[in-house]
Protein backbone atom coordinates (compact mmCIF):
# COMPACT_ATOMS: atom_id res chain seq x y z
CA MET A 1 -53.41 -66.15 130.69
CA ASN A 2 -52.85 -63.82 133.43
CA ARG A 3 -50.86 -65.06 136.97
CA ARG A 4 -53.72 -64.73 139.38
CA LEU A 5 -56.02 -66.80 137.04
CA PHE A 6 -53.41 -69.10 136.44
CA PHE A 7 -52.28 -69.00 140.89
CA GLN A 8 -56.31 -70.17 141.23
CA LEU A 9 -56.65 -72.61 138.31
CA ALA A 10 -53.24 -74.15 139.96
CA ALA A 11 -54.11 -74.78 143.35
CA GLY A 12 -57.51 -76.31 142.26
CA THR A 13 -56.70 -78.10 140.36
CA ALA A 14 -53.63 -79.55 143.49
CA ALA A 15 -57.09 -80.42 145.69
CA ALA A 16 -58.45 -82.38 143.55
CA THR A 17 -55.60 -84.22 142.17
CA ALA A 18 -54.72 -85.09 145.82
CA THR A 19 -58.19 -86.75 146.26
CA ILE A 20 -58.16 -88.47 143.23
CA ASP A 21 -55.01 -89.83 144.19
CA ARG A 22 -55.92 -91.37 147.50
CA VAL A 23 -59.03 -92.80 145.84
CA ALA A 24 -56.50 -94.32 143.57
CA ALA A 25 -54.29 -95.51 147.20
CA ALA A 26 -58.13 -96.63 148.40
CA GLY A 27 -58.30 -98.87 145.21
CA ARG A 28 -55.01 -100.68 145.07
CA SER A 29 -55.31 -102.16 148.41
CA ALA A 30 -58.35 -103.19 147.79
CA LYS A 31 -57.79 -104.91 144.97
CA ASP A 32 -57.21 -108.90 146.88
CA HIS A 33 -60.60 -107.76 148.64
CA THR A 34 -63.87 -109.08 147.09
CA PRO A 35 -66.66 -107.15 146.16
CA GLU A 36 -68.84 -107.25 148.69
CA GLU A 37 -65.89 -107.47 151.53
CA VAL A 38 -65.36 -103.59 150.49
CA ALA A 39 -68.64 -102.29 149.77
CA ALA A 40 -68.96 -103.53 154.11
CA ASP A 41 -65.08 -101.57 154.63
CA GLU A 42 -65.94 -97.82 155.69
CA ASP A 43 -62.28 -97.01 155.61
CA PHE A 44 -62.87 -97.70 151.61
CA TRP A 45 -65.67 -95.61 150.78
CA THR A 46 -64.00 -92.64 153.36
CA GLU A 47 -61.45 -91.86 151.06
CA VAL A 48 -64.56 -91.50 147.98
CA ARG A 49 -66.63 -89.27 150.54
CA SER A 50 -63.75 -87.41 150.46
CA ALA A 51 -63.40 -86.66 146.54
CA PHE A 52 -67.30 -85.04 147.51
CA THR A 53 -67.91 -81.01 148.48
CA ILE A 54 -71.80 -82.40 148.66
CA ASP A 55 -73.87 -80.49 151.91
CA ARG A 56 -73.83 -83.09 154.87
CA ASN A 57 -76.26 -80.92 156.27
CA ILE A 58 -78.78 -83.17 154.29
CA VAL A 59 -79.21 -86.23 153.75
CA ASN A 60 -80.12 -87.15 149.51
CA LEU A 61 -81.20 -90.23 148.67
CA ASN A 62 -82.56 -89.12 145.14
CA ASN A 63 -79.43 -88.73 143.22
CA GLY A 64 -80.95 -91.23 140.92
CA HIS A 65 -82.40 -87.49 139.75
CA VAL A 66 -79.06 -85.91 139.34
CA SER A 67 -75.51 -87.50 141.47
CA PRO A 68 -73.11 -84.26 142.62
CA ALA A 69 -70.18 -84.39 140.44
CA PRO A 70 -66.48 -84.49 142.75
CA ARG A 71 -64.27 -82.44 143.23
CA VAL A 72 -61.62 -83.16 140.57
CA VAL A 73 -65.04 -83.02 138.26
CA GLN A 74 -65.44 -79.79 138.60
CA GLU A 75 -62.60 -78.11 138.72
CA ALA A 76 -62.00 -79.54 135.16
CA MET A 77 -64.80 -78.31 134.12
CA ARG A 78 -64.85 -75.16 135.84
CA ARG A 79 -61.14 -74.55 134.20
CA TYR A 80 -62.04 -75.62 130.55
CA LEU A 81 -64.94 -72.56 130.65
CA GLU A 82 -61.82 -69.93 132.53
CA TYR A 83 -60.48 -71.01 129.68
CA SER A 84 -62.69 -70.86 127.00
CA ASP A 85 -64.05 -67.02 128.10
CA MET A 86 -60.66 -65.94 127.02
CA GLY A 87 -61.31 -66.04 123.57
CA PRO A 88 -63.96 -68.80 122.30
CA TRP A 89 -63.88 -68.28 118.91
CA HIS A 90 -60.50 -70.28 119.58
CA THR A 91 -60.47 -71.68 123.10
CA MET A 92 -63.42 -73.21 122.84
CA ILE A 93 -63.88 -74.30 119.52
CA ASN A 94 -60.40 -74.83 118.21
CA VAL A 95 -59.24 -76.02 121.05
CA LEU A 96 -61.56 -77.24 123.94
CA GLU A 97 -63.65 -78.75 121.52
CA ARG A 98 -61.25 -81.04 119.34
CA GLN A 99 -60.81 -82.73 122.67
CA VAL A 100 -64.31 -83.99 122.80
CA GLU A 101 -63.15 -87.33 120.43
CA THR A 102 -60.89 -87.59 123.57
CA VAL A 103 -63.60 -87.92 124.86
CA ARG A 104 -65.39 -90.01 122.74
CA ARG A 105 -62.76 -92.42 122.45
CA ARG A 106 -62.98 -92.78 125.88
CA ILE A 107 -67.01 -93.12 126.60
CA ALA A 108 -66.04 -96.05 123.99
CA GLN A 109 -63.72 -98.52 125.99
CA THR A 110 -66.17 -98.07 128.48
CA ALA A 111 -68.13 -99.17 126.90
CA GLY A 112 -66.63 -101.64 124.41
CA CYS A 113 -67.64 -99.76 121.53
CA ASP A 114 -65.66 -98.28 118.69
CA PRO A 115 -66.12 -94.27 119.10
CA GLU A 116 -67.71 -94.08 115.73
CA GLU A 117 -71.10 -95.22 117.38
CA ILE A 118 -70.77 -92.49 120.74
CA ALA A 119 -72.46 -89.49 120.34
CA ILE A 120 -72.41 -87.26 122.59
CA THR A 121 -75.62 -85.49 123.98
CA ARG A 122 -76.57 -83.59 126.35
CA ASN A 123 -78.92 -86.84 128.35
CA ALA A 124 -80.60 -89.68 128.03
CA SER A 125 -83.20 -87.44 126.47
CA GLU A 126 -82.31 -86.33 124.03
CA SER A 127 -80.07 -89.72 122.61
CA LEU A 128 -83.62 -91.86 122.85
CA GLU A 129 -85.24 -89.08 121.10
CA ASN A 130 -83.11 -88.90 118.59
CA ALA A 131 -83.84 -92.43 118.32
CA GLN A 132 -87.32 -92.41 118.19
CA TYR A 133 -87.87 -90.31 115.91
CA GLY A 134 -84.76 -91.40 113.49
CA ILE A 135 -86.66 -94.19 112.45
CA ASP A 136 -89.49 -94.14 109.92
CA LEU A 137 -92.39 -95.44 110.79
CA LYS A 138 -95.66 -95.37 108.94
CA ARG A 139 -99.37 -95.48 110.06
CA GLY A 140 -100.50 -98.67 111.96
CA ASP A 141 -96.26 -99.60 111.99
CA GLU A 142 -96.94 -100.83 116.61
CA VAL A 143 -93.60 -99.07 118.26
CA LEU A 144 -93.28 -102.18 121.53
CA THR A 145 -92.95 -101.33 125.26
CA THR A 146 -93.84 -101.40 129.08
CA ASN A 147 -96.39 -98.47 131.16
CA GLN A 148 -93.70 -98.21 133.61
CA ASP A 149 -90.99 -96.71 130.78
CA TYR A 150 -89.59 -93.67 131.26
CA PRO A 151 -92.51 -90.69 130.67
CA ARG A 152 -90.34 -88.11 128.62
CA MET A 153 -90.23 -91.19 126.63
CA LEU A 154 -93.55 -92.86 126.02
CA ASN A 155 -95.10 -89.25 124.91
CA THR A 156 -92.17 -89.56 122.70
CA PHE A 157 -94.79 -92.21 120.69
CA ARG A 158 -97.40 -90.72 121.75
CA GLN A 159 -96.56 -87.35 119.91
CA ARG A 160 -96.09 -89.49 116.70
CA GLU A 161 -99.40 -91.32 117.49
CA ARG A 162 -101.26 -88.56 117.18
CA ARG A 163 -98.99 -87.06 113.70
CA GLU A 164 -98.14 -90.26 112.27
CA GLY A 165 -101.10 -92.60 112.88
CA ILE A 166 -98.18 -94.97 115.45
CA VAL A 167 -100.07 -97.56 117.20
CA LEU A 168 -97.75 -97.10 120.81
CA LYS A 169 -98.28 -100.73 121.90
CA THR A 170 -97.47 -101.07 126.71
CA ILE A 171 -97.38 -104.24 128.86
CA SER A 172 -97.21 -104.09 132.05
CA PHE A 173 -95.48 -106.36 134.83
CA PRO A 174 -95.28 -106.99 138.53
CA VAL A 175 -93.31 -105.08 140.81
CA PRO A 176 -91.06 -107.63 141.85
CA PRO A 177 -91.41 -109.49 139.19
CA PRO A 178 -90.82 -113.34 139.52
CA SER A 179 -87.90 -113.75 137.45
CA MET A 180 -86.13 -112.46 134.27
CA ASP A 181 -87.87 -115.38 132.49
CA ASP A 182 -90.87 -113.67 133.34
CA LEU A 183 -89.97 -110.61 131.54
CA TYR A 184 -88.48 -111.53 128.61
CA ARG A 185 -91.32 -113.94 128.04
CA ARG A 186 -93.97 -111.14 128.28
CA PHE A 187 -91.70 -108.90 125.27
CA GLU A 188 -91.54 -112.10 123.26
CA GLN A 189 -95.95 -112.88 123.36
CA ALA A 190 -96.63 -109.03 122.65
CA VAL A 191 -95.16 -109.00 119.77
CA THR A 192 -97.75 -109.02 116.25
CA PRO A 193 -96.55 -108.65 112.41
CA ARG A 194 -97.33 -105.24 112.70
CA THR A 195 -94.81 -104.64 116.00
CA ARG A 196 -91.72 -102.59 113.83
CA LEU A 197 -89.33 -101.17 117.01
CA ILE A 198 -89.50 -102.12 120.72
CA LEU A 199 -88.13 -99.49 123.13
CA VAL A 200 -87.02 -101.06 126.20
CA CYS A 201 -85.43 -99.99 129.79
CA HIS A 202 -81.27 -101.70 130.69
CA ILE A 203 -83.06 -100.47 134.45
CA THR A 204 -86.59 -99.46 135.02
CA ASN A 205 -86.21 -95.18 136.90
CA ARG A 206 -89.40 -96.72 138.84
CA THR A 207 -88.50 -99.69 141.53
CA GLY A 208 -84.65 -100.28 139.27
CA GLN A 209 -85.81 -103.35 137.71
CA ILE A 210 -83.22 -104.38 135.51
CA PHE A 211 -84.74 -106.52 132.21
CA PRO A 212 -83.00 -109.00 130.56
CA VAL A 213 -82.00 -106.40 127.35
CA LYS A 214 -79.90 -109.64 124.90
CA ARG A 215 -82.50 -111.95 125.20
CA ILE A 216 -85.10 -109.20 124.24
CA CYS A 217 -83.03 -107.61 121.51
CA GLU A 218 -81.61 -111.43 120.08
CA MET A 219 -85.68 -112.30 119.80
CA ALA A 220 -86.01 -108.81 117.83
CA HIS A 221 -83.03 -109.32 115.57
CA ALA A 222 -84.99 -113.02 114.67
CA ARG A 223 -88.03 -110.72 113.86
CA ASN A 224 -85.96 -107.38 112.15
CA ILE A 225 -87.67 -105.49 114.05
CA PRO A 226 -84.32 -102.94 115.73
CA VAL A 227 -84.00 -102.26 119.29
CA ILE A 228 -83.58 -98.57 121.78
CA VAL A 229 -82.53 -99.87 125.41
CA ASP A 230 -82.97 -97.00 128.04
CA GLY A 231 -79.78 -97.01 129.17
CA ALA A 232 -80.00 -93.39 131.66
CA HIS A 233 -79.75 -95.18 135.05
CA ALA A 234 -77.78 -98.34 133.76
CA PHE A 235 -74.42 -96.96 132.70
CA ASN A 236 -71.39 -96.61 135.56
CA HIS A 237 -74.43 -98.23 137.70
CA PHE A 238 -73.49 -102.03 137.37
CA PRO A 239 -71.04 -103.75 135.04
CA PHE A 240 -71.91 -104.42 132.01
CA LYS A 241 -70.49 -103.61 127.90
CA ILE A 242 -73.27 -102.22 125.60
CA SER A 243 -71.19 -103.98 123.23
CA ASP A 244 -72.92 -107.46 124.72
CA LEU A 245 -76.21 -106.57 124.70
CA ASP A 246 -76.57 -106.84 120.79
CA CYS A 247 -78.96 -103.89 120.93
CA ASP A 248 -79.26 -101.44 118.06
CA TYR A 249 -79.48 -98.11 120.44
CA TYR A 250 -78.70 -96.83 123.47
CA GLY A 251 -78.97 -94.01 125.61
CA VAL A 252 -76.93 -92.32 128.89
CA SER A 253 -77.07 -89.82 131.10
CA LEU A 254 -73.55 -89.29 131.84
CA HIS A 255 -74.81 -86.57 135.12
CA LYS A 256 -76.21 -89.55 136.97
CA TRP A 257 -74.26 -92.50 137.89
CA THR A 258 -71.20 -90.91 136.05
CA CYS A 259 -71.65 -88.21 138.55
CA ALA A 260 -70.33 -86.33 135.17
CA PRO A 261 -71.72 -83.00 135.38
CA VAL A 262 -75.39 -81.97 134.87
CA GLY A 263 -75.87 -81.67 130.85
CA THR A 264 -73.95 -84.16 129.62
CA GLY A 265 -74.98 -88.11 128.69
CA PHE A 266 -74.78 -90.67 124.74
CA LEU A 267 -75.77 -92.07 122.65
CA TYR A 268 -74.46 -95.30 121.71
CA VAL A 269 -75.68 -96.05 117.74
CA ARG A 270 -75.01 -99.96 116.44
CA LYS A 271 -72.60 -99.07 113.05
CA SER A 272 -75.18 -100.46 110.32
CA ARG A 273 -77.55 -97.99 111.25
CA ILE A 274 -76.16 -94.67 111.34
CA ALA A 275 -77.03 -94.76 107.82
CA GLY A 276 -80.84 -95.18 108.13
CA THR A 277 -81.25 -93.36 111.54
CA TRP A 278 -82.10 -89.09 110.69
CA SER A 279 -80.68 -86.50 113.51
CA LEU A 280 -83.30 -84.92 116.18
CA MET A 281 -81.77 -80.95 114.66
CA ALA A 282 -80.84 -81.25 111.12
CA SER A 283 -77.23 -82.79 109.05
CA THR A 284 -76.28 -82.28 105.97
CA ASP A 285 -76.54 -85.34 103.35
CA LYS A 286 -72.87 -85.55 104.29
CA GLN A 287 -73.24 -86.34 107.38
CA VAL A 288 -75.79 -89.41 106.70
CA ASP A 289 -72.79 -91.81 108.11
CA ASP A 290 -71.70 -90.58 110.67
CA ILE A 291 -72.15 -90.55 114.72
CA ARG A 292 -71.39 -86.57 114.51
CA LYS A 293 -74.51 -86.07 113.03
CA PHE A 294 -76.70 -86.87 116.03
CA GLU A 295 -75.14 -83.83 117.89
CA GLU A 296 -75.71 -81.78 115.74
CA ILE A 297 -77.35 -78.78 118.96
CA GLY A 298 -76.30 -75.85 117.40
CA THR A 299 -73.20 -73.52 119.93
CA HIS A 300 -73.03 -75.56 122.92
CA PRO A 301 -69.88 -75.50 125.92
CA ALA A 302 -67.18 -77.36 125.92
CA ALA A 303 -65.84 -77.54 129.23
CA ASN A 304 -69.14 -79.65 129.67
CA HIS A 305 -68.17 -82.91 128.08
CA ASP A 306 -64.91 -81.97 128.73
CA ALA A 307 -65.07 -82.69 131.91
CA ILE A 308 -66.82 -86.11 130.61
CA SER A 309 -63.23 -87.93 131.28
CA GLU A 310 -62.00 -87.37 135.05
CA ALA A 311 -65.05 -88.62 135.93
CA LEU A 312 -65.02 -91.67 133.73
CA ILE A 313 -61.25 -92.34 135.22
CA PHE A 314 -63.46 -91.48 138.33
CA ASN A 315 -65.61 -94.08 138.16
CA GLU A 316 -62.32 -96.30 136.90
CA ASN A 317 -60.69 -95.81 140.40
CA ILE A 318 -63.41 -96.76 142.18
CA GLY A 319 -64.14 -99.84 140.16
CA ILE A 320 -67.49 -100.85 138.97
CA ASP A 321 -67.50 -103.81 140.36
CA ARG A 322 -67.52 -102.99 143.91
CA LYS A 323 -69.05 -100.41 142.96
CA ALA A 324 -71.76 -101.84 142.78
CA ALA A 325 -71.74 -104.08 145.70
CA ARG A 326 -71.26 -100.74 147.19
CA LEU A 327 -74.79 -99.98 145.99
CA ARG A 328 -76.59 -102.86 146.76
CA TYR A 329 -74.96 -102.63 150.29
CA LEU A 330 -76.46 -100.07 151.51
CA ARG A 331 -79.54 -100.39 149.57
CA ASP A 332 -80.20 -103.55 151.77
CA ARG A 333 -79.65 -101.81 154.68
CA TRP A 334 -82.08 -99.92 155.24
CA ALA A 335 -84.69 -102.34 152.94
CA HIS A 336 -84.03 -104.61 154.72
CA ARG A 337 -85.03 -103.00 158.14
CA LEU A 338 -87.71 -102.01 157.31
CA ALA A 339 -89.62 -104.58 155.84
CA ARG A 340 -89.66 -105.64 158.89
CA ASN A 341 -92.14 -102.55 159.54
CA PRO A 342 -96.18 -104.04 158.87
CA LYS A 343 -96.85 -101.08 156.92
CA CYS A 344 -93.36 -100.87 154.97
CA LYS A 345 -94.11 -102.60 151.76
CA THR A 346 -90.51 -102.94 149.00
CA LEU A 347 -91.01 -103.37 145.49
CA HIS A 348 -87.21 -103.46 144.47
CA SER A 349 -86.02 -107.08 143.71
CA GLU A 350 -83.36 -108.91 145.64
CA ASP A 351 -82.28 -110.98 142.86
CA PRO A 352 -79.16 -108.72 142.68
CA ALA A 353 -79.01 -109.82 138.49
CA GLN A 354 -82.71 -107.87 138.49
CA SER A 355 -81.04 -105.08 140.80
CA CYS A 356 -78.66 -102.93 141.76
CA GLY A 357 -79.01 -99.45 144.00
CA ILE A 358 -82.10 -98.52 143.63
CA GLY A 359 -84.93 -99.31 145.92
CA PHE A 360 -89.00 -98.70 146.34
CA LEU A 361 -90.43 -98.27 149.49
CA SER A 362 -94.41 -98.28 149.55
CA PHE A 363 -96.71 -97.88 151.70
CA PRO A 364 -99.49 -100.17 152.23
CA GLY A 365 -102.43 -97.79 154.15
CA ALA A 366 -99.94 -94.99 154.38
CA ASP A 367 -100.37 -91.58 152.15
CA ALA A 368 -96.46 -91.32 150.35
CA GLN A 369 -96.24 -88.02 149.79
CA LYS A 370 -97.26 -87.32 153.72
CA ILE A 371 -94.11 -89.44 154.38
CA HIS A 372 -91.91 -87.82 151.20
CA ASP A 373 -93.18 -84.08 152.75
CA ALA A 374 -92.15 -85.60 156.72
CA LEU A 375 -88.98 -87.14 155.71
CA TRP A 376 -87.54 -83.38 153.62
CA ASN A 377 -89.65 -80.98 155.73
CA LYS A 378 -88.45 -82.50 159.44
CA TYR A 379 -85.25 -84.39 158.69
CA SER A 380 -83.93 -82.54 155.51
CA ILE A 381 -84.25 -86.04 154.02
CA LEU A 382 -84.33 -86.10 149.60
CA THR A 383 -85.87 -89.33 148.05
CA ALA A 384 -88.61 -89.35 145.33
CA LEU A 385 -91.69 -89.66 145.54
CA VAL A 386 -93.39 -91.84 142.33
CA GLY A 387 -96.75 -92.53 141.19
CA HIS A 388 -97.76 -94.82 138.69
CA GLU A 389 -101.01 -96.39 137.96
CA GLU A 390 -100.15 -99.22 139.73
CA TYR A 391 -98.96 -97.70 142.66
CA THR A 392 -97.35 -94.96 144.32
CA GLY A 393 -94.03 -94.78 146.81
CA LEU A 394 -90.48 -93.21 147.12
CA ARG A 395 -87.33 -94.35 145.02
CA ILE A 396 -84.63 -94.37 147.57
CA THR A 397 -81.07 -93.70 145.46
CA PRO A 398 -78.18 -93.49 147.59
CA HIS A 399 -74.84 -93.17 146.10
CA VAL A 400 -71.09 -93.78 146.87
CA TYR A 401 -70.69 -91.15 149.29
CA SER A 402 -73.60 -92.38 150.90
CA THR A 403 -72.31 -93.21 155.08
CA LEU A 404 -74.34 -95.82 156.69
CA ALA A 405 -75.02 -92.80 159.66
CA ASP A 406 -77.34 -91.42 156.51
CA ILE A 407 -78.86 -94.25 155.95
CA ASP A 408 -80.06 -95.57 159.52
CA TYR A 409 -81.31 -91.64 160.00
CA PHE A 410 -83.61 -92.49 156.47
CA ALA A 411 -85.27 -95.55 158.36
CA GLY A 412 -85.36 -94.51 161.68
CA MET A 413 -87.04 -91.27 160.75
CA VAL A 414 -89.61 -93.40 158.49
CA GLU A 415 -90.52 -95.94 161.22
CA LYS A 416 -90.80 -92.49 163.71
CA GLU A 417 -93.73 -90.96 161.20
CA LEU A 418 -95.30 -94.17 160.21
CA LYS A 419 -96.19 -94.75 164.50
CA SER A 420 -98.26 -92.58 164.15
CA VAL A 421 -100.10 -94.11 161.03
C-alpha cells in the first residue's frame, strides 16, 4: 500500500472511530435510564446524529426504503473497496472474502441462532426468493399469505402459480387490526388441508403492522406446514431473536434499519430445512447441507458484506431497546399531532406490541398523491406514497438521526397543505 493511500485511509478511519466512540460513550452514560427516558433525551440523540453524513437540506422520512449508513460503516466499506482494487484475486478473494465468516458469526449472535443457519445475501428479496422457489410444491398446493405482503414476494408466488399450477391464497386484515389475536385467527381459519406453506411479514412494509409470528409458526408446525417470515423491516428495528420465533425461514435487508451498506441482507434457514431447500442459483450436491449454497451468486464485492460488522456494532452501542423507544417516540410526535386534524387519519396501531417506527397517514377526502408531491416539491420532505386496493396514504419512517425539528416541520407542512383541501 502506498503512503498516500495509507494516510488517506488512516485519516478517514480515525474520524469514523472518534464518532463511534462518542456514540458508545453516550450509551454508557444512559445505562441507568429507561429506554423511554433516553428516547426523549436530545443530548443522547445528538451524539447519534453526529455519526451520519446525510444531507440536512432535505427531511428524509423514507428510511423504510433504504437508510443511510453511518460514517464508520462508509469508511469501512471504502477501505475494503480500495484494498480490493490493489489486486482482487488475492486481496478480495483470499483475504476479504474469508472475513464473511466473521460477519456470519456476528449476525448469528445478534439474531440468537447458529452461524450455520445464516446465509449472507444482498437483500430480503433475494433471501426470501431462495425460500419461496426452494421449497418443492405440486400443482394444487396452497400457499397462504396476506394481501398486504411485499409486492415482489406476492409476485414470486404468482409466477409459480402461472408456471407450476400452485394456488396463492391471500387473506385481508383491517388497518389497524383490533388485536394480535384477530391476526392469528385470520391465519388459523384460512388454513385448509391443501395448505403447504405460509408466508407472513414480521412487520409489514406498508402500515408497520407487527404479526404474532411465533403463534402462527406453532399453529403451522402442528399441521406440518413450514413458515417463511419476511423480516425485511424487523431486524434491528425492535427487540427480538429469530430463534424465539420458531420459524423455518427468515429474510432480512440490512440496508434498512441496521444501516449497513446498500446491497446487504441475510437469510436464516432452520438447520433441519437446509438440505430440503433448493438454492436460487445452482449449487453442487456437496453443498446440500451447507447454508452457503444460498450465497451462490457469482463474483461479487466483499466490501459490502464485510462492512456489515461495523453496522452491527453501531447498533449495539445505541441499544435496541433505546432505538425502538426512540423510533416510537418520533412516530407518536407527528401522529398524535396530526390525529387531531379531521382531514388526517393514522392507520398504524399504537399498541407497542403491534408497531414501532413505521407510521401511516391517510387523508379521507384528500388526494394523497398531491400531498406527497407537495411535501417534496415545495418543502424537500421525502415520504413514501403507498397505494393499496383497500387504502392509500403516506408511509412515514424517520430514523435515529432524525431531529424533532424534522418531525415538527413535516407535521406543520402537512397541516399547511390541508388548509386548501
